[in-house]
Amino acid sequence: MLIVALAQSFPVIIAGAVVFGFGIGWFVPNLMTASMKNVPASRQGRAVGLLKGVHLLASPLGVVLVEPVTRVMGPQGAILVVALLSFAALGVFVFRLVSRRAAPPMTPDPSIATQ
């Protein structure tokens, strides 16, 4: 999205869209695979439904949410805002993932159980 937002010519816009398409094509299946590893078998159907539902609703909700920004900032500004928000969301995701892996596993304190 950042490539598209900063593009000054139509070929660069197309190249940015291709990069974005490859990214989404890689991200969605890997998200499903990673999610299924962390969800018990009894809840996997619900998890897949939630992920696919959010993915399905993202397009129409994105149009509704981005349209006012487009009116104020123009199409290039709106794409830039979406790109920056995407990078911020990625940063939060990576931070949570790293902090979850860095935190020591919680083990029950035996002294509390005996009281």
N, C-alpha and C. Protein backbone atom coordinates (compact mmCIF):
# COMPACT_ATOMS: atom_id res chain seq x y z
N MET A 1 0.82 -1.19 0.00
CA MET A 1 0.00 0.00 0.00
C MET A 1 0.87 1.26 0.00
N LEU A 2 1.98 1.20 0.69
CA LEU A 2 2.86 2.37 0.73
C LEU A 2 3.42 2.67 -0.66
N ILE A 3 3.72 1.64 -1.43
CA ILE A 3 4.21 1.84 -2.79
C ILE A 3 3.14 2.56 -3.62
N VAL A 4 1.90 2.13 -3.49
CA VAL A 4 0.80 2.75 -4.24
C VAL A 4 0.60 4.19 -3.78
N ALA A 5 0.68 4.42 -2.47
CA ALA A 5 0.45 5.76 -1.94
C ALA A 5 1.51 6.76 -2.41
N LEU A 6 2.72 6.30 -2.56
CA LEU A 6 3.81 7.21 -2.93
C LEU A 6 4.10 7.20 -4.43
N ALA A 7 3.36 6.43 -5.20
CA ALA A 7 3.61 6.29 -6.63
C ALA A 7 3.33 7.60 -7.37
N GLN A 8 4.15 7.85 -8.36
CA GLN A 8 3.97 9.04 -9.19
C GLN A 8 3.57 8.68 -10.62
N SER A 9 3.48 7.37 -10.91
CA SER A 9 3.10 6.96 -12.26
C SER A 9 2.24 5.70 -12.19
N PHE A 10 1.50 5.47 -13.28
CA PHE A 10 0.60 4.33 -13.32
C PHE A 10 1.34 2.99 -13.23
N PRO A 11 2.48 2.79 -13.91
CA PRO A 11 3.19 1.52 -13.77
C PRO A 11 3.62 1.23 -12.33
N VAL A 12 3.99 2.26 -11.59
CA VAL A 12 4.39 2.04 -10.19
C VAL A 12 3.17 1.67 -9.35
N ILE A 13 2.02 2.25 -9.66
CA ILE A 13 0.78 1.87 -8.96
C ILE A 13 0.49 0.40 -9.21
N ILE A 14 0.61 -0.04 -10.45
CA ILE A 14 0.36 -1.44 -10.78
C ILE A 14 1.36 -2.34 -10.05
N ALA A 15 2.63 -1.95 -10.04
CA ALA A 15 3.64 -2.74 -9.34
C ALA A 15 3.32 -2.82 -7.85
N GLY A 16 2.89 -1.72 -7.25
CA GLY A 16 2.50 -1.73 -5.84
C GLY A 16 1.31 -2.63 -5.58
N ALA A 17 0.34 -2.61 -6.49
CA ALA A 17 -0.82 -3.48 -6.35
C ALA A 17 -0.44 -4.96 -6.45
N VAL A 18 0.52 -5.25 -7.33
CA VAL A 18 0.99 -6.63 -7.46
C VAL A 18 1.69 -7.07 -6.17
N VAL A 19 2.55 -6.21 -5.62
CA VAL A 19 3.23 -6.53 -4.36
C VAL A 19 2.20 -6.75 -3.26
N PHE A 20 1.20 -5.87 -3.19
CA PHE A 20 0.13 -6.01 -2.19
C PHE A 20 -0.61 -7.32 -2.37
N GLY A 21 -0.92 -7.68 -3.61
CA GLY A 21 -1.62 -8.93 -3.88
C GLY A 21 -0.83 -10.15 -3.45
N PHE A 22 0.47 -10.14 -3.73
CA PHE A 22 1.31 -11.25 -3.28
C PHE A 22 1.35 -11.32 -1.76
N GLY A 23 1.40 -10.16 -1.12
CA GLY A 23 1.42 -10.14 0.34
C GLY A 23 0.15 -10.71 0.94
N ILE A 24 -1.00 -10.32 0.42
CA ILE A 24 -2.27 -10.85 0.91
C ILE A 24 -2.37 -12.34 0.60
N GLY A 25 -1.93 -12.72 -0.59
CA GLY A 25 -1.96 -14.13 -0.96
C GLY A 25 -1.10 -15.00 -0.06
N TRP A 26 -0.05 -14.44 0.47
CA TRP A 26 0.81 -15.17 1.40
C TRP A 26 0.26 -15.10 2.82
N PHE A 27 -0.28 -13.94 3.20
CA PHE A 27 -0.67 -13.70 4.58
C PHE A 27 -1.88 -14.53 5.02
N VAL A 28 -2.92 -14.56 4.22
CA VAL A 28 -4.16 -15.20 4.65
C VAL A 28 -3.98 -16.70 4.91
N PRO A 29 -3.39 -17.47 4.01
CA PRO A 29 -3.22 -18.90 4.33
C PRO A 29 -2.31 -19.13 5.54
N ASN A 30 -1.27 -18.32 5.66
CA ASN A 30 -0.38 -18.49 6.81
C ASN A 30 -1.05 -18.08 8.11
N LEU A 31 -1.90 -17.08 8.06
CA LEU A 31 -2.67 -16.70 9.25
C LEU A 31 -3.58 -17.83 9.68
N MET A 32 -4.23 -18.46 8.72
CA MET A 32 -5.12 -19.59 9.04
C MET A 32 -4.32 -20.74 9.64
N THR A 33 -3.17 -21.05 9.07
CA THR A 33 -2.35 -22.14 9.57
C THR A 33 -1.86 -21.85 10.99
N ALA A 34 -1.35 -20.65 11.20
CA ALA A 34 -0.85 -20.28 12.53
C ALA A 34 -1.98 -20.26 13.55
N SER A 35 -3.13 -19.81 13.16
CA SER A 35 -4.27 -19.76 14.07
C SER A 35 -4.71 -21.16 14.47
N MET A 36 -4.72 -22.06 13.53
CA MET A 36 -5.18 -23.41 13.84
C MET A 36 -4.22 -24.15 14.77
N LYS A 37 -2.96 -23.77 14.76
CA LYS A 37 -2.01 -24.39 15.68
C LYS A 37 -2.28 -23.99 17.12
N ASN A 38 -2.89 -22.82 17.32
CA ASN A 38 -3.11 -22.29 18.67
C ASN A 38 -4.53 -22.45 19.16
N VAL A 39 -5.37 -23.11 18.39
CA VAL A 39 -6.78 -23.27 18.76
C VAL A 39 -7.06 -24.75 18.96
N PRO A 40 -7.75 -25.10 20.06
CA PRO A 40 -8.10 -26.51 20.25
C PRO A 40 -9.01 -27.01 19.12
N ALA A 41 -8.92 -28.29 18.83
CA ALA A 41 -9.69 -28.87 17.73
C ALA A 41 -11.18 -28.60 17.85
N SER A 42 -11.69 -28.55 19.06
CA SER A 42 -13.13 -28.34 19.26
C SER A 42 -13.57 -26.92 18.89
N ARG A 43 -12.64 -25.97 18.80
CA ARG A 43 -13.00 -24.58 18.50
C ARG A 43 -12.46 -24.10 17.16
N GLN A 44 -11.86 -24.99 16.37
CA GLN A 44 -11.26 -24.57 15.11
C GLN A 44 -12.28 -24.06 14.10
N GLY A 45 -13.45 -24.67 14.06
CA GLY A 45 -14.50 -24.19 13.14
C GLY A 45 -14.91 -22.77 13.46
N ARG A 46 -15.07 -22.47 14.72
CA ARG A 46 -15.43 -21.12 15.15
C ARG A 46 -14.32 -20.13 14.82
N ALA A 47 -13.07 -20.54 15.02
CA ALA A 47 -11.93 -19.65 14.73
C ALA A 47 -11.84 -19.36 13.24
N VAL A 48 -12.01 -20.38 12.40
CA VAL A 48 -11.96 -20.17 10.96
C VAL A 48 -13.11 -19.26 10.53
N GLY A 49 -14.29 -19.49 11.06
CA GLY A 49 -15.44 -18.64 10.73
C GLY A 49 -15.21 -17.20 11.12
N LEU A 50 -14.63 -16.96 12.28
CA LEU A 50 -14.34 -15.60 12.72
C LEU A 50 -13.32 -14.93 11.81
N LEU A 51 -12.24 -15.63 11.51
CA LEU A 51 -11.21 -15.05 10.64
C LEU A 51 -11.75 -14.75 9.24
N LYS A 52 -12.47 -15.69 8.67
CA LYS A 52 -13.02 -15.47 7.32
C LYS A 52 -14.10 -14.40 7.34
N GLY A 53 -14.89 -14.34 8.41
CA GLY A 53 -15.91 -13.29 8.52
C GLY A 53 -15.31 -11.90 8.59
N VAL A 54 -14.26 -11.75 9.38
CA VAL A 54 -13.57 -10.46 9.47
C VAL A 54 -12.94 -10.11 8.12
N HIS A 55 -12.35 -11.10 7.47
CA HIS A 55 -11.75 -10.87 6.16
C HIS A 55 -12.81 -10.45 5.15
N LEU A 56 -13.98 -11.07 5.20
CA LEU A 56 -15.07 -10.74 4.29
C LEU A 56 -15.62 -9.33 4.54
N LEU A 57 -15.75 -8.95 5.81
CA LEU A 57 -16.32 -7.64 6.15
C LEU A 57 -15.32 -6.49 5.98
N ALA A 58 -14.04 -6.80 5.87
CA ALA A 58 -13.03 -5.75 5.78
C ALA A 58 -13.22 -4.86 4.56
N SER A 59 -13.56 -5.44 3.43
CA SER A 59 -13.70 -4.63 2.20
C SER A 59 -14.84 -3.63 2.29
N PRO A 60 -16.08 -4.05 2.59
CA PRO A 60 -17.14 -3.04 2.64
C PRO A 60 -16.97 -2.05 3.78
N LEU A 61 -16.48 -2.50 4.92
CA LEU A 61 -16.26 -1.55 6.02
C LEU A 61 -15.12 -0.60 5.72
N GLY A 62 -14.10 -1.10 5.02
CA GLY A 62 -13.00 -0.24 4.62
C GLY A 62 -13.45 0.90 3.73
N VAL A 63 -14.34 0.60 2.81
CA VAL A 63 -14.86 1.65 1.92
C VAL A 63 -15.59 2.71 2.72
N VAL A 64 -16.42 2.28 3.65
CA VAL A 64 -17.20 3.23 4.46
C VAL A 64 -16.28 4.07 5.34
N LEU A 65 -15.24 3.47 5.89
CA LEU A 65 -14.34 4.20 6.79
C LEU A 65 -13.34 5.09 6.05
N VAL A 66 -12.93 4.68 4.86
CA VAL A 66 -11.90 5.43 4.13
C VAL A 66 -12.51 6.56 3.29
N GLU A 67 -13.75 6.45 2.91
CA GLU A 67 -14.38 7.45 2.04
C GLU A 67 -14.29 8.87 2.60
N PRO A 68 -14.59 9.10 3.88
CA PRO A 68 -14.43 10.47 4.41
C PRO A 68 -12.99 10.97 4.35
N VAL A 69 -12.03 10.08 4.58
CA VAL A 69 -10.62 10.47 4.50
C VAL A 69 -10.27 10.84 3.06
N THR A 70 -10.82 10.11 2.10
CA THR A 70 -10.57 10.39 0.70
C THR A 70 -11.10 11.76 0.31
N ARG A 71 -12.25 12.13 0.84
CA ARG A 71 -12.82 13.45 0.54
C ARG A 71 -11.92 14.58 1.04
N VAL A 72 -11.30 14.37 2.19
CA VAL A 72 -10.47 15.41 2.79
C VAL A 72 -9.06 15.42 2.19
N MET A 73 -8.45 14.23 2.05
CA MET A 73 -7.04 14.14 1.67
C MET A 73 -6.80 13.70 0.23
N GLY A 74 -7.83 13.31 -0.46
CA GLY A 74 -7.66 12.80 -1.82
C GLY A 74 -7.31 11.32 -1.79
N PRO A 75 -7.35 10.67 -2.95
CA PRO A 75 -7.09 9.24 -3.00
C PRO A 75 -5.69 8.85 -2.51
N GLN A 76 -4.68 9.61 -2.91
CA GLN A 76 -3.31 9.28 -2.51
C GLN A 76 -3.14 9.43 -1.00
N GLY A 77 -3.73 10.47 -0.43
CA GLY A 77 -3.65 10.66 1.02
C GLY A 77 -4.37 9.56 1.78
N ALA A 78 -5.52 9.13 1.27
CA ALA A 78 -6.26 8.05 1.93
C ALA A 78 -5.47 6.75 1.90
N ILE A 79 -4.85 6.45 0.78
CA ILE A 79 -4.04 5.23 0.68
C ILE A 79 -2.85 5.32 1.63
N LEU A 80 -2.26 6.50 1.76
CA LEU A 80 -1.14 6.69 2.68
C LEU A 80 -1.59 6.47 4.12
N VAL A 81 -2.76 6.99 4.49
CA VAL A 81 -3.29 6.79 5.84
C VAL A 81 -3.51 5.30 6.10
N VAL A 82 -4.09 4.60 5.14
CA VAL A 82 -4.33 3.16 5.30
C VAL A 82 -3.00 2.41 5.42
N ALA A 83 -2.02 2.79 4.62
CA ALA A 83 -0.71 2.15 4.70
C ALA A 83 -0.07 2.37 6.07
N LEU A 84 -0.14 3.58 6.58
CA LEU A 84 0.45 3.87 7.90
C LEU A 84 -0.29 3.13 9.01
N LEU A 85 -1.61 3.07 8.92
CA LEU A 85 -2.38 2.30 9.91
C LEU A 85 -2.05 0.82 9.83
N SER A 86 -1.81 0.33 8.63
CA SER A 86 -1.43 -1.07 8.46
C SER A 86 -0.07 -1.34 9.11
N PHE A 87 0.87 -0.44 8.91
CA PHE A 87 2.18 -0.60 9.55
C PHE A 87 2.06 -0.52 11.07
N ALA A 88 1.21 0.35 11.57
CA ALA A 88 1.00 0.44 13.02
C ALA A 88 0.40 -0.86 13.56
N ALA A 89 -0.59 -1.41 12.85
CA ALA A 89 -1.19 -2.67 13.27
C ALA A 89 -0.17 -3.80 13.24
N LEU A 90 0.69 -3.81 12.22
CA LEU A 90 1.74 -4.81 12.14
C LEU A 90 2.70 -4.67 13.33
N GLY A 91 3.03 -3.43 13.68
CA GLY A 91 3.91 -3.21 14.83
C GLY A 91 3.31 -3.73 16.13
N VAL A 92 2.02 -3.48 16.33
CA VAL A 92 1.35 -3.98 17.53
C VAL A 92 1.34 -5.51 17.53
N PHE A 93 1.04 -6.10 16.37
CA PHE A 93 1.01 -7.55 16.26
C PHE A 93 2.37 -8.15 16.58
N VAL A 94 3.42 -7.60 16.00
CA VAL A 94 4.77 -8.12 16.23
C VAL A 94 5.18 -7.93 17.69
N PHE A 95 4.86 -6.78 18.27
CA PHE A 95 5.18 -6.53 19.67
C PHE A 95 4.49 -7.56 20.58
N ARG A 96 3.21 -7.80 20.33
CA ARG A 96 2.48 -8.78 21.16
C ARG A 96 3.03 -10.18 20.97
N LEU A 97 3.39 -10.51 19.74
CA LEU A 97 3.94 -11.84 19.47
C LEU A 97 5.28 -12.02 20.17
N VAL A 98 6.14 -11.02 20.07
CA VAL A 98 7.46 -11.10 20.70
C VAL A 98 7.33 -11.11 22.22
N SER A 99 6.47 -10.27 22.76
CA SER A 99 6.33 -10.22 24.22
C SER A 99 5.71 -11.50 24.76
N ARG A 100 4.85 -12.13 23.99
CA ARG A 100 4.25 -13.39 24.43
C ARG A 100 5.31 -14.49 24.47
N ARG A 101 6.19 -14.50 23.48
CA ARG A 101 7.24 -15.52 23.43
C ARG A 101 8.33 -15.26 24.45
N ALA A 102 8.58 -13.99 24.78
CA ALA A 102 9.65 -13.64 25.71
C ALA A 102 9.23 -13.84 27.16
N ALA A 103 7.93 -13.80 27.43
CA ALA A 103 7.46 -13.94 28.80
C ALA A 103 7.64 -15.38 29.27
N PRO A 104 8.11 -15.56 30.50
CA PRO A 104 8.26 -16.94 31.00
C PRO A 104 6.88 -17.56 31.18
N PRO A 105 6.78 -18.86 30.98
CA PRO A 105 5.48 -19.50 31.15
C PRO A 105 5.03 -19.41 32.60
N MET A 106 3.75 -19.24 32.78
CA MET A 106 3.20 -19.14 34.13
C MET A 106 3.04 -20.53 34.69
N THR A 107 3.63 -20.74 35.85
CA THR A 107 3.49 -22.02 36.54
C THR A 107 2.87 -21.75 37.90
N PRO A 108 2.03 -22.63 38.35
CA PRO A 108 1.41 -22.41 39.66
C PRO A 108 2.45 -22.44 40.77
N ASP A 109 2.26 -21.59 41.75
CA ASP A 109 3.16 -21.54 42.90
C ASP A 109 2.71 -22.61 43.88
N PRO A 110 3.56 -23.62 44.17
CA PRO A 110 3.15 -24.70 45.07
C PRO A 110 2.81 -24.22 46.47
N SER A 111 3.42 -23.14 46.92
CA SER A 111 3.14 -22.65 48.28
C SER A 111 1.72 -22.12 48.40
N ILE A 112 1.16 -21.61 47.31
CA ILE A 112 -0.20 -21.10 47.35
C ILE A 112 -1.21 -22.26 47.41
N ALA A 113 -0.91 -23.34 46.72
CA ALA A 113 -1.81 -24.49 46.66
C ALA A 113 -1.94 -25.18 48.00
N THR A 114 -0.93 -25.10 48.85
CA THR A 114 -0.97 -25.79 50.14
C THR A 114 -1.65 -24.99 51.23
N GLN A 115 -1.95 -23.75 51.00
CA GLN A 115 -2.55 -22.91 52.04
C GLN A 115 -4.02 -23.12 52.14
